[in-house]
């Protein structure tokens, strides 16, 4: 599910693709804290990209 977040699919589209209900996708998203994971990954990429620029 996390990797599908990057495709910008709606919960309904993702649910259809996965063969589950939109409500199930919503529940999984909330309980897994995917937004926090996505934000942390984005922040880490920003930090790493900044470190790469300093070494060039």
C-alpha atoms as a PDB file:
ATOM      1  CA  UNK A   1       0.000   0.000   0.000  1.00  0.00           C
ATOM      2  CA  UNK A   2       2.763   2.437   0.866  1.00  0.00           C
ATOM      3  CA  UNK A   3       4.363   2.211  -2.558  1.00  0.00           C
ATOM      4  CA  UNK A   4       0.991   2.786  -4.232  1.00  0.00           C
ATOM      5  CA  UNK A   5       0.740   6.079  -2.332  1.00  0.00           C
ATOM      6  CA  UNK A   6       3.364   7.460  -4.696  1.00  0.00           C
ATOM      7  CA  UNK A   7       1.116   6.856  -7.713  1.00  0.00           C
ATOM      8  CA  UNK A   8      -1.404   9.462  -6.475  1.00  0.00           C
ATOM      9  CA  UNK A   9      -4.292   7.014  -6.721  1.00  0.00           C
ATOM     10  CA  UNK A  10      -7.378   7.898  -4.728  1.00  0.00           C
ATOM     11  CA  UNK A  11      -8.383   5.580  -1.902  1.00  0.00           C
ATOM     12  CA  UNK A  12     -11.267   4.358  -4.047  1.00  0.00           C
ATOM     13  CA  UNK A  13      -8.981   3.615  -7.022  1.00  0.00           C
ATOM     14  CA  UNK A  14      -6.477   1.868  -4.764  1.00  0.00           C
ATOM     15  CA  UNK A  15      -9.268  -0.166  -3.159  1.00  0.00           C
ATOM     16  CA  UNK A  16     -10.557  -1.263  -6.553  1.00  0.00           C
ATOM     17  CA  UNK A  17      -7.043  -2.221  -7.625  1.00  0.00           C
ATOM     18  CA  UNK A  18      -6.496  -4.195  -4.402  1.00  0.00           C
ATOM     19  CA  UNK A  19      -9.965  -5.766  -4.398  1.00  0.00           C
ATOM     20  CA  UNK A  20     -10.979  -4.294  -1.033  1.00  0.00           C
ATOM     21  CA  UNK A  21     -13.295  -1.527   0.152  1.00  0.00           C
ATOM     22  CA  UNK A  22     -12.367   2.156   0.298  1.00  0.00           C
ATOM     23  CA  UNK A  23     -13.176   2.056   4.008  1.00  0.00           C
ATOM     24  CA  UNK A  24     -10.577  -0.677   4.481  1.00  0.00           C
ATOM     25  CA  UNK A  25      -7.942   1.427   2.695  1.00  0.00           C
ATOM     26  CA  UNK A  26      -8.849   4.390   4.910  1.00  0.00           C
ATOM     27  CA  UNK A  27      -8.555   2.274   8.061  1.00  0.00           C
ATOM     28  CA  UNK A  28      -5.185   0.840   7.013  1.00  0.00           C
ATOM     29  CA  UNK A  29      -3.900   4.305   6.115  1.00  0.00           C
ATOM     30  CA  UNK A  30      -4.868   5.727   9.495  1.00  0.00           C
ATOM     31  CA  UNK A  31      -3.643   2.819  11.608  1.00  0.00           C
ATOM     32  CA  UNK A  32      -0.348   2.423   9.783  1.00  0.00           C
ATOM     33  CA  UNK A  33       0.586   6.104  10.064  1.00  0.00           C
ATOM     34  CA  UNK A  34       1.496   6.146   6.369  1.00  0.00           C
ATOM     35  CA  UNK A  35       1.402   9.931   6.251  1.00  0.00           C
ATOM     36  CA  UNK A  36       4.100  10.065   8.933  1.00  0.00           C
ATOM     37  CA  UNK A  37       6.181   7.522   7.038  1.00  0.00           C
ATOM     38  CA  UNK A  38       5.824   9.510   3.816  1.00  0.00           C
ATOM     39  CA  UNK A  39       6.774  12.746   5.575  1.00  0.00           C
ATOM     40  CA  UNK A  40       9.808  11.143   7.227  1.00  0.00           C
ATOM     41  CA  UNK A  41      10.951   9.714   3.890  1.00  0.00           C
ATOM     42  CA  UNK A  42      10.562  13.110   2.245  1.00  0.00           C
ATOM     43  CA  UNK A  43      12.523  14.801   5.028  1.00  0.00           C
ATOM     44  CA  UNK A  44      15.291  12.209   4.798  1.00  0.00           C
ATOM     45  CA  UNK A  45      15.529  12.683   1.032  1.00  0.00           C
ATOM     46  CA  UNK A  46      15.774  16.449   1.533  1.00  0.00           C
ATOM     47  CA  UNK A  47      18.589  16.002   4.047  1.00  0.00           C
ATOM     48  CA  UNK A  48      20.437  13.539   1.826  1.00  0.00           C
ATOM     49  CA  UNK A  49      20.045  15.738  -1.248  1.00  0.00           C
ATOM     50  CA  UNK A  50      21.422  18.669   0.716  1.00  0.00           C
ATOM     51  CA  UNK A  51      24.410  16.590   1.797  1.00  0.00           C
ATOM     52  CA  UNK A  52      25.040  15.555  -1.810  1.00  0.00           C
ATOM     53  CA  UNK A  53      25.069  19.184  -2.948  1.00  0.00           C
ATOM     54  CA  UNK A  54      27.629  20.135  -0.281  1.00  0.00           C
ATOM     55  CA  UNK A  55      30.018  17.415  -1.488  1.00  0.00           C
ATOM     56  CA  UNK A  56      29.923  18.434  -5.131  1.00  0.00           C
END
